[in-house]
Amino acid sequence: MARSEFRFVVDGVELTTEQQSLIAGEIQKAGLNALSVAGSKLTNPLAVGHANIKLRPEWYGLWLIDGPFAEELGQKINDLGFWMQR
């Protein structure tokens, strides 16, 4: 399975929790848009993540999963009632 990881790091700037969540959401949107601009061929994309650092700090951000693993993970999420297949 191919994997590419991109990071955006801010150092030396004090940000409130609300600012961090806002920035994370904007970065998520920009990343998804960049996939489109790059002409990525996604077959069955599943976006997983959030910008709420109080919920699960280790999940802070967005993961875009595609292919068979996305289908398998999406079905598990759907079984819990959080995901609907298109």
PDB file of N, CA and C in Angstrom:
ATOM      1  N   MET A   1       0.857  -1.171   0.000  1.00  0.00           N
ATOM      2  CA  MET A   1       0.000   0.000   0.000  1.00  0.00           C
ATOM      3  C   MET A   1       0.902   1.233   0.000  1.00  0.00           C
ATOM      4  N   ALA A   2       0.653   2.148  -0.901  1.00  0.00           N
ATOM      5  CA  ALA A   2       1.417   3.395  -0.979  1.00  0.00           C
ATOM      6  C   ALA A   2       0.967   4.351   0.116  1.00  0.00           C
ATOM      7  N   ARG A   3       1.929   5.142   0.596  1.00  0.00           N
ATOM      8  CA  ARG A   3       1.588   6.120   1.622  1.00  0.00           C
ATOM      9  C   ARG A   3       2.435   7.369   1.411  1.00  0.00           C
ATOM     10  N   SER A   4       1.790   8.505   1.437  1.00  0.00           N
ATOM     11  CA  SER A   4       2.467   9.801   1.398  1.00  0.00           C
ATOM     12  C   SER A   4       1.973  10.590   2.595  1.00  0.00           C
ATOM     13  N   GLU A   5       2.874  11.235   3.290  1.00  0.00           N
ATOM     14  CA  GLU A   5       2.487  11.997   4.469  1.00  0.00           C
ATOM     15  C   GLU A   5       2.984  13.423   4.314  1.00  0.00           C
ATOM     16  N   PHE A   6       2.115  14.388   4.622  1.00  0.00           N
ATOM     17  CA  PHE A   6       2.444  15.797   4.523  1.00  0.00           C
ATOM     18  C   PHE A   6       2.143  16.437   5.872  1.00  0.00           C
ATOM     19  N   ARG A   7       3.026  17.309   6.310  1.00  0.00           N
ATOM     20  CA  ARG A   7       2.849  17.943   7.619  1.00  0.00           C
ATOM     21  C   ARG A   7       2.949  19.454   7.490  1.00  0.00           C
ATOM     22  N   PHE A   8       2.288  20.123   8.390  1.00  0.00           N
ATOM     23  CA  PHE A   8       2.360  21.570   8.525  1.00  0.00           C
ATOM     24  C   PHE A   8       2.643  21.836   9.996  1.00  0.00           C
ATOM     25  N   VAL A   9       3.772  22.445  10.287  1.00  0.00           N
ATOM     26  CA  VAL A   9       4.186  22.652  11.668  1.00  0.00           C
ATOM     27  C   VAL A   9       4.310  24.139  11.940  1.00  0.00           C
ATOM     28  N   VAL A  10       3.746  24.575  13.051  1.00  0.00           N
ATOM     29  CA  VAL A  10       3.865  25.960  13.504  1.00  0.00           C
ATOM     30  C   VAL A  10       4.656  25.927  14.806  1.00  0.00           C
ATOM     31  N   ASP A  11       5.766  26.640  14.846  1.00  0.00           N
ATOM     32  CA  ASP A  11       6.624  26.632  16.022  1.00  0.00           C
ATOM     33  C   ASP A  11       6.848  28.066  16.492  1.00  0.00           C
ATOM     34  N   GLY A  12       6.755  28.275  17.789  1.00  0.00           N
ATOM     35  CA  GLY A  12       7.023  29.589  18.351  1.00  0.00           C
ATOM     36  C   GLY A  12       5.837  30.531  18.352  1.00  0.00           C
ATOM     37  N   VAL A  13       4.662  30.021  18.017  1.00  0.00           N
ATOM     38  CA  VAL A  13       3.449  30.851  18.004  1.00  0.00           C
ATOM     39  C   VAL A  13       2.453  30.240  18.975  1.00  0.00           C
ATOM     40  N   GLU A  14       2.005  31.026  19.939  1.00  0.00           N
ATOM     41  CA  GLU A  14       0.996  30.546  20.886  1.00  0.00           C
ATOM     42  C   GLU A  14      -0.380  30.596  20.217  1.00  0.00           C
ATOM     43  N   LEU A  15      -1.046  29.455  20.126  1.00  0.00           N
ATOM     44  CA  LEU A  15      -2.378  29.364  19.523  1.00  0.00           C
ATOM     45  C   LEU A  15      -3.362  28.824  20.553  1.00  0.00           C
ATOM     46  N   THR A  16      -4.559  29.372  20.564  1.00  0.00           N
ATOM     47  CA  THR A  16      -5.600  28.845  21.433  1.00  0.00           C
ATOM     48  C   THR A  16      -6.109  27.531  20.849  1.00  0.00           C
ATOM     49  N   THR A  17      -6.840  26.782  21.639  1.00  0.00           N
ATOM     50  CA  THR A  17      -7.441  25.546  21.150  1.00  0.00           C
ATOM     51  C   THR A  17      -8.357  25.826  19.967  1.00  0.00           C
ATOM     52  N   GLU A  18      -9.107  26.910  20.041  1.00  0.00           N
ATOM     53  CA  GLU A  18     -10.014  27.270  18.941  1.00  0.00           C
ATOM     54  C   GLU A  18      -9.225  27.593  17.674  1.00  0.00           C
ATOM     55  N   GLN A  19      -8.109  28.313  17.811  1.00  0.00           N
ATOM     56  CA  GLN A  19      -7.279  28.625  16.649  1.00  0.00           C
ATOM     57  C   GLN A  19      -6.685  27.358  16.046  1.00  0.00           C
ATOM     58  N   GLN A  20      -6.239  26.442  16.905  1.00  0.00           N
ATOM     59  CA  GLN A  20      -5.683  25.176  16.412  1.00  0.00           C
ATOM     60  C   GLN A  20      -6.723  24.395  15.624  1.00  0.00           C
ATOM     61  N   SER A  21      -7.950  24.333  16.134  1.00  0.00           N
ATOM     62  CA  SER A  21      -9.020  23.617  15.439  1.00  0.00           C
ATOM     63  C   SER A  21      -9.352  24.278  14.107  1.00  0.00           C
ATOM     64  N   LEU A  22      -9.403  25.594  14.095  1.00  0.00           N
ATOM     65  CA  LEU A  22      -9.689  26.318  12.850  1.00  0.00           C
ATOM     66  C   LEU A  22      -8.600  26.070  11.813  1.00  0.00           C
ATOM     67  N   ILE A  23      -7.345  26.160  12.222  1.00  0.00           N
ATOM     68  CA  ILE A  23      -6.232  25.928  11.302  1.00  0.00           C
ATOM     69  C   ILE A  23      -6.241  24.492  10.792  1.00  0.00           C
ATOM     70  N   ALA A  24      -6.488  23.539  11.679  1.00  0.00           N
ATOM     71  CA  ALA A  24      -6.537  22.134  11.272  1.00  0.00           C
ATOM     72  C   ALA A  24      -7.620  21.910  10.222  1.00  0.00           C
ATOM     73  N   GLY A  25      -8.785  22.507  10.420  1.00  0.00           N
ATOM     74  CA  GLY A  25      -9.867  22.362   9.448  1.00  0.00           C
ATOM     75  C   GLY A  25      -9.504  22.948   8.097  1.00  0.00           C
ATOM     76  N   GLU A  26      -8.840  24.097   8.099  1.00  0.00           N
ATOM     77  CA  GLU A  26      -8.431  24.732   6.839  1.00  0.00           C
ATOM     78  C   GLU A  26      -7.359  23.907   6.126  1.00  0.00           C
ATOM     79  N   ILE A  27      -6.452  23.316   6.888  1.00  0.00           N
ATOM     80  CA  ILE A  27      -5.412  22.465   6.295  1.00  0.00           C
ATOM     81  C   ILE A  27      -6.042  21.209   5.703  1.00  0.00           C
ATOM     82  N   GLN A  28      -7.045  20.649   6.389  1.00  0.00           N
ATOM     83  CA  GLN A  28      -7.740  19.482   5.857  1.00  0.00           C
ATOM     84  C   GLN A  28      -8.378  19.812   4.509  1.00  0.00           C
ATOM     85  N   LYS A  29      -9.071  20.948   4.436  1.00  0.00           N
ATOM     86  CA  LYS A  29      -9.716  21.344   3.175  1.00  0.00           C
ATOM     87  C   LYS A  29      -8.678  21.558   2.076  1.00  0.00           C
ATOM     88  N   ALA A  30      -7.563  22.205   2.428  1.00  0.00           N
ATOM     89  CA  ALA A  30      -6.511  22.465   1.438  1.00  0.00           C
ATOM     90  C   ALA A  30      -5.899  21.156   0.934  1.00  0.00           C
ATOM     91  N   GLY A  31      -5.694  20.210   1.834  1.00  0.00           N
ATOM     92  CA  GLY A  31      -5.131  18.929   1.431  1.00  0.00           C
ATOM     93  C   GLY A  31      -6.038  18.162   0.487  1.00  0.00           C
ATOM     94  N   LEU A  32      -7.325  18.140   0.779  1.00  0.00           N
ATOM     95  CA  LEU A  32      -8.276  17.462  -0.108  1.00  0.00           C
ATOM     96  C   LEU A  32      -8.347  18.156  -1.460  1.00  0.00           C
ATOM     97  N   ASN A  33      -8.303  19.487  -1.459  1.00  0.00           N
ATOM     98  CA  ASN A  33      -8.300  20.234  -2.713  1.00  0.00           C
ATOM     99  C   ASN A  33      -7.033  19.945  -3.513  1.00  0.00           C
ATOM    100  N   ALA A  34      -5.888  19.837  -2.833  1.00  0.00           N
ATOM    101  CA  ALA A  34      -4.625  19.555  -3.515  1.00  0.00           C
ATOM    102  C   ALA A  34      -4.667  18.196  -4.222  1.00  0.00           C
ATOM    103  N   LEU A  35      -5.331  17.213  -3.625  1.00  0.00           N
ATOM    104  CA  LEU A  35      -5.479  15.916  -4.296  1.00  0.00           C
ATOM    105  C   LEU A  35      -6.231  16.071  -5.607  1.00  0.00           C
ATOM    106  N   SER A  36      -7.254  16.887  -5.593  1.00  0.00           N
ATOM    107  CA  SER A  36      -8.037  17.138  -6.797  1.00  0.00           C
ATOM    108  C   SER A  36      -7.207  17.861  -7.852  1.00  0.00           C
ATOM    109  N   VAL A  37      -6.497  18.897  -7.431  1.00  0.00           N
ATOM    110  CA  VAL A  37      -5.665  19.671  -8.355  1.00  0.00           C
ATOM    111  C   VAL A  37      -4.572  18.792  -8.967  1.00  0.00           C
ATOM    112  N   ALA A  38      -4.029  17.875  -8.170  1.00  0.00           N
ATOM    113  CA  ALA A  38      -2.973  16.988  -8.650  1.00  0.00           C
ATOM    114  C   ALA A  38      -3.506  15.890  -9.562  1.00  0.00           C
ATOM    115  N   GLY A  39      -4.817  15.774  -9.662  1.00  0.00           N
ATOM    116  CA  GLY A  39      -5.415  14.762 -10.532  1.00  0.00           C
ATOM    117  C   GLY A  39      -5.329  13.355  -9.964  1.00  0.00           C
ATOM    118  N   SER A  40      -5.348  13.218  -8.654  1.00  0.00           N
ATOM    119  CA  SER A  40      -5.286  11.904  -8.017  1.00  0.00           C
ATOM    120  C   SER A  40      -6.487  11.067  -8.417  1.00  0.00           C
ATOM    121  N   LYS A  41      -6.244   9.811  -8.684  1.00  0.00           N
ATOM    122  CA  LYS A  41      -7.313   8.881  -9.049  1.00  0.00           C
ATOM    123  C   LYS A  41      -7.681   8.066  -7.810  1.00  0.00           C
ATOM    124  N   LEU A  42      -8.737   8.484  -7.150  1.00  0.00           N
ATOM    125  CA  LEU A  42      -9.206   7.786  -5.955  1.00  0.00           C
ATOM    126  C   LEU A  42     -10.374   6.891  -6.335  1.00  0.00           C
ATOM    127  N   THR A  43     -10.360   5.652  -5.849  1.00  0.00           N
ATOM    128  CA  THR A  43     -11.428   4.718  -6.196  1.00  0.00           C
ATOM    129  C   THR A  43     -12.539   4.690  -5.167  1.00  0.00           C
ATOM    130  N   ASN A  44     -12.178   4.697  -3.884  1.00  0.00           N
ATOM    131  CA  ASN A  44     -13.166   4.613  -2.820  1.00  0.00           C
ATOM    132  C   ASN A  44     -12.622   5.331  -1.594  1.00  0.00           C
ATOM    133  N   PRO A  45     -12.482   6.664  -1.671  1.00  0.00           N
ATOM    134  CA  PRO A  45     -11.817   7.373  -0.576  1.00  0.00           C
ATOM    135  C   PRO A  45     -12.648   7.426   0.699  1.00  0.00           C
ATOM    136  N   LEU A  46     -11.945   7.340   1.808  1.00  0.00           N
ATOM    137  CA  LEU A  46     -12.547   7.453   3.129  1.00  0.00           C
ATOM    138  C   LEU A  46     -11.702   8.448   3.906  1.00  0.00           C
ATOM    139  N   ALA A  47     -12.298   9.530   4.360  1.00  0.00           N
ATOM    140  CA  ALA A  47     -11.591  10.520   5.161  1.00  0.00           C
ATOM    141  C   ALA A  47     -11.880  10.255   6.630  1.00  0.00           C
ATOM    142  N   VAL A  48     -10.827  10.133   7.428  1.00  0.00           N
ATOM    143  CA  VAL A  48     -10.953   9.867   8.850  1.00  0.00           C
ATOM    144  C   VAL A  48     -10.123  10.893   9.598  1.00  0.00           C
ATOM    145  N   GLY A  49     -10.709  11.508  10.602  1.00  0.00           N
ATOM    146  CA  GLY A  49      -9.961  12.465  11.404  1.00  0.00           C
ATOM    147  C   GLY A  49     -10.876  13.547  11.934  1.00  0.00           C
ATOM    148  N   HIS A  50     -10.275  14.496  12.635  1.00  0.00           N
ATOM    149  CA  HIS A  50     -11.047  15.581  13.210  1.00  0.00           C
ATOM    150  C   HIS A  50     -10.107  16.690  13.631  1.00  0.00           C
ATOM    151  N   ALA A  51     -10.661  17.764  14.110  1.00  0.00           N
ATOM    152  CA  ALA A  51      -9.854  18.887  14.594  1.00  0.00           C
ATOM    153  C   ALA A  51     -10.137  19.160  16.068  1.00  0.00           C
ATOM    154  N   ASN A  52     -10.666  18.174  16.772  1.00  0.00           N
ATOM    155  CA  ASN A  52     -10.982  18.351  18.188  1.00  0.00           C
ATOM    156  C   ASN A  52      -9.904  17.660  19.020  1.00  0.00           C
ATOM    157  N   ILE A  53      -8.914  18.442  19.487  1.00  0.00           N
ATOM    158  CA  ILE A  53      -7.796  17.821  20.183  1.00  0.00           C
ATOM    159  C   ILE A  53      -8.173  17.277  21.554  1.00  0.00           C
ATOM    160  N   LYS A  54      -9.339  17.667  22.073  1.00  0.00           N
ATOM    161  CA  LYS A  54      -9.777  17.126  23.366  1.00  0.00           C
ATOM    162  C   LYS A  54     -10.352  15.720  23.199  1.00  0.00           C
ATOM    163  N   LEU A  55     -10.851  15.401  22.002  1.00  0.00           N
ATOM    164  CA  LEU A  55     -11.482  14.106  21.773  1.00  0.00           C
ATOM    165  C   LEU A  55     -10.445  12.987  21.752  1.00  0.00           C
ATOM    166  N   ARG A  56      -9.546  13.014  20.814  1.00  0.00           N
ATOM    167  CA  ARG A  56      -8.466  12.028  20.701  1.00  0.00           C
ATOM    168  C   ARG A  56      -7.252  12.740  20.127  1.00  0.00           C
ATOM    169  N   PRO A  57      -6.367  13.293  20.952  1.00  0.00           N
ATOM    170  CA  PRO A  57      -5.225  14.065  20.442  1.00  0.00           C
ATOM    171  C   PRO A  57      -4.379  13.312  19.423  1.00  0.00           C
ATOM    172  N   GLU A  58      -4.267  12.007  19.546  1.00  0.00           N
ATOM    173  CA  GLU A  58      -3.447  11.242  18.603  1.00  0.00           C
ATOM    174  C   GLU A  58      -4.090  11.147  17.218  1.00  0.00           C
ATOM    175  N   TRP A  59      -5.370  11.498  17.098  1.00  0.00           N
ATOM    176  CA  TRP A  59      -6.058  11.472  15.807  1.00  0.00           C
ATOM    177  C   TRP A  59      -6.182  12.856  15.203  1.00  0.00           C
ATOM    178  N   TYR A  60      -5.535  13.844  15.801  1.00  0.00           N
ATOM    179  CA  TYR A  60      -5.638  15.226  15.331  1.00  0.00           C
ATOM    180  C   TYR A  60      -5.170  15.321  13.888  1.00  0.00           C
ATOM    181  N   GLY A  61      -6.040  15.709  12.992  1.00  0.00           N
ATOM    182  CA  GLY A  61      -5.696  15.817  11.584  1.00  0.00           C
ATOM    183  C   GLY A  61      -6.661  15.036  10.720  1.00  0.00           C
ATOM    184  N   LEU A  62      -6.205  14.689   9.530  1.00  0.00           N
ATOM    185  CA  LEU A  62      -7.062  14.007   8.575  1.00  0.00           C
ATOM    186  C   LEU A  62      -6.265  12.933   7.858  1.00  0.00           C
ATOM    187  N   TRP A  63      -6.822  11.743   7.794  1.00  0.00           N
ATOM    188  CA  TRP A  63      -6.240  10.656   7.024  1.00  0.00           C
ATOM    189  C   TRP A  63      -7.206  10.371   5.885  1.00  0.00           C
ATOM    190  N   LEU A  64      -6.682  10.308   4.675  1.00  0.00           N
ATOM    191  CA  LEU A  64      -7.486   9.927   3.527  1.00  0.00           C
ATOM    192  C   LEU A  64      -7.024   8.539   3.107  1.00  0.00           C
ATOM    193  N   ILE A  65      -7.924   7.597   3.208  1.00  0.00           N
ATOM    194  CA  ILE A  65      -7.611   6.202   2.916  1.00  0.00           C
ATOM    195  C   ILE A  65      -8.384   5.826   1.658  1.00  0.00           C
ATOM    196  N   ASP A  66      -7.743   5.082   0.755  1.00  0.00           N
ATOM    197  CA  ASP A  66      -8.386   4.702  -0.499  1.00  0.00           C
ATOM    198  C   ASP A  66      -8.125   3.222  -0.764  1.00  0.00           C
ATOM    199  N   GLY A  67      -8.961   2.635  -1.564  1.00  0.00           N
ATOM    200  CA  GLY A  67      -8.764   1.251  -1.968  1.00  0.00           C
ATOM    201  C   GLY A  67      -9.448   0.260  -1.048  1.00  0.00           C
ATOM    202  N   PRO A  68      -8.977  -0.995  -1.089  1.00  0.00           N
ATOM    203  CA  PRO A  68      -9.627  -2.062  -0.318  1.00  0.00           C
ATOM    204  C   PRO A  68      -9.678  -1.794   1.187  1.00  0.00           C
ATOM    205  N   PHE A  69      -8.609  -1.198   1.744  1.00  0.00           N
ATOM    206  CA  PHE A  69      -8.613  -0.927   3.184  1.00  0.00           C
ATOM    207  C   PHE A  69      -9.685   0.101   3.527  1.00  0.00           C
ATOM    208  N   ALA A  70      -9.911   1.069   2.648  1.00  0.00           N
ATOM    209  CA  ALA A  70     -10.954   2.071   2.883  1.00  0.00           C
ATOM    210  C   ALA A  70     -12.324   1.405   2.933  1.00  0.00           C
ATOM    211  N   GLU A  71     -12.548   0.463   2.044  1.00  0.00           N
ATOM    212  CA  GLU A  71     -13.827  -0.258   2.025  1.00  0.00           C
ATOM    213  C   GLU A  71     -14.015  -1.049   3.321  1.00  0.00           C
ATOM    214  N   GLU A  72     -12.961  -1.738   3.738  1.00  0.00           N
ATOM    215  CA  GLU A  72     -13.030  -2.552   4.962  1.00  0.00           C
ATOM    216  C   GLU A  72     -13.248  -1.664   6.196  1.00  0.00           C
ATOM    217  N   LEU A  73     -12.475  -0.600   6.305  1.00  0.00           N
ATOM    218  CA  LEU A  73     -12.605   0.302   7.440  1.00  0.00           C
ATOM    219  C   LEU A  73     -13.947   1.023   7.417  1.00  0.00           C
ATOM    220  N   GLY A  74     -14.370   1.456   6.233  1.00  0.00           N
ATOM    221  CA  GLY A  74     -15.663   2.125   6.098  1.00  0.00           C
ATOM    222  C   GLY A  74     -16.812   1.243   6.541  1.00  0.00           C
ATOM    223  N   GLN A  75     -16.729  -0.032   6.203  1.00  0.00           N
ATOM    224  CA  GLN A  75     -17.795  -0.958   6.609  1.00  0.00           C
ATOM    225  C   GLN A  75     -17.820  -1.128   8.125  1.00  0.00           C
ATOM    226  N   LYS A  76     -16.638  -1.180   8.742  1.00  0.00           N
ATOM    227  CA  LYS A  76     -16.588  -1.290  10.206  1.00  0.00           C
ATOM    228  C   LYS A  76     -17.187  -0.041  10.859  1.00  0.00           C
ATOM    229  N   ILE A  77     -16.871   1.121  10.297  1.00  0.00           N
ATOM    230  CA  ILE A  77     -17.450   2.365  10.808  1.00  0.00           C
ATOM    231  C   ILE A  77     -18.955   2.368  10.587  1.00  0.00           C
ATOM    232  N   ASN A  78     -19.391   1.909   9.426  1.00  0.00           N
ATOM    233  CA  ASN A  78     -20.811   1.847   9.104  1.00  0.00           C
ATOM    234  C   ASN A  78     -21.549   0.931  10.090  1.00  0.00           C
ATOM    235  N   ASP A  79     -20.893  -0.168  10.474  1.00  0.00           N
ATOM    236  CA  ASP A  79     -21.505  -1.083  11.435  1.00  0.00           C
ATOM    237  C   ASP A  79     -21.762  -0.389  12.772  1.00  0.00           C
ATOM    238  N   LEU A  80     -20.931   0.614  13.071  1.00  0.00           N
ATOM    239  CA  LEU A  80     -21.139   1.404  14.284  1.00  0.00           C
ATOM    240  C   LEU A  80     -22.131   2.531  14.080  1.00  0.00           C
ATOM    241  N   GLY A  81     -22.522   2.776  12.830  1.00  0.00           N
ATOM    242  CA  GLY A  81     -23.519   3.787  12.526  1.00  0.00           C
ATOM    243  C   GLY A  81     -22.977   5.169  12.218  1.00  0.00           C
ATOM    244  N   PHE A  82     -21.682   5.272  11.837  1.00  0.00           N
ATOM    245  CA  PHE A  82     -21.088   6.589  11.567  1.00  0.00           C
ATOM    246  C   PHE A  82     -20.811   6.844  10.093  1.00  0.00           C
ATOM    247  N   TRP A  83     -20.903   5.875   9.227  1.00  0.00           N
ATOM    248  CA  TRP A  83     -20.475   6.026   7.838  1.00  0.00           C
ATOM    249  C   TRP A  83     -21.524   5.443   6.911  1.00  0.00           C
ATOM    250  N   MET A  84     -21.795   6.126   5.840  1.00  0.00           N
ATOM    251  CA  MET A  84     -22.758   5.629   4.866  1.00  0.00           C
ATOM    252  C   MET A  84     -22.073   5.485   3.522  1.00  0.00           C
ATOM    253  N   GLN A  85     -22.184   4.313   2.903  1.00  0.00           N
ATOM    254  CA  GLN A  85     -21.585   4.077   1.599  1.00  0.00           C
ATOM    255  C   GLN A  85     -22.328   4.880   0.550  1.00  0.00           C
ATOM    256  N   ARG A  86     -21.599   5.426  -0.421  1.00  0.00           N
ATOM    257  CA  ARG A  86     -22.220   6.220  -1.498  1.00  0.00           C
ATOM    258  C   ARG A  86     -22.845   5.331  -2.536  1.00  0.00           C
TER     259      ARG A  86
END
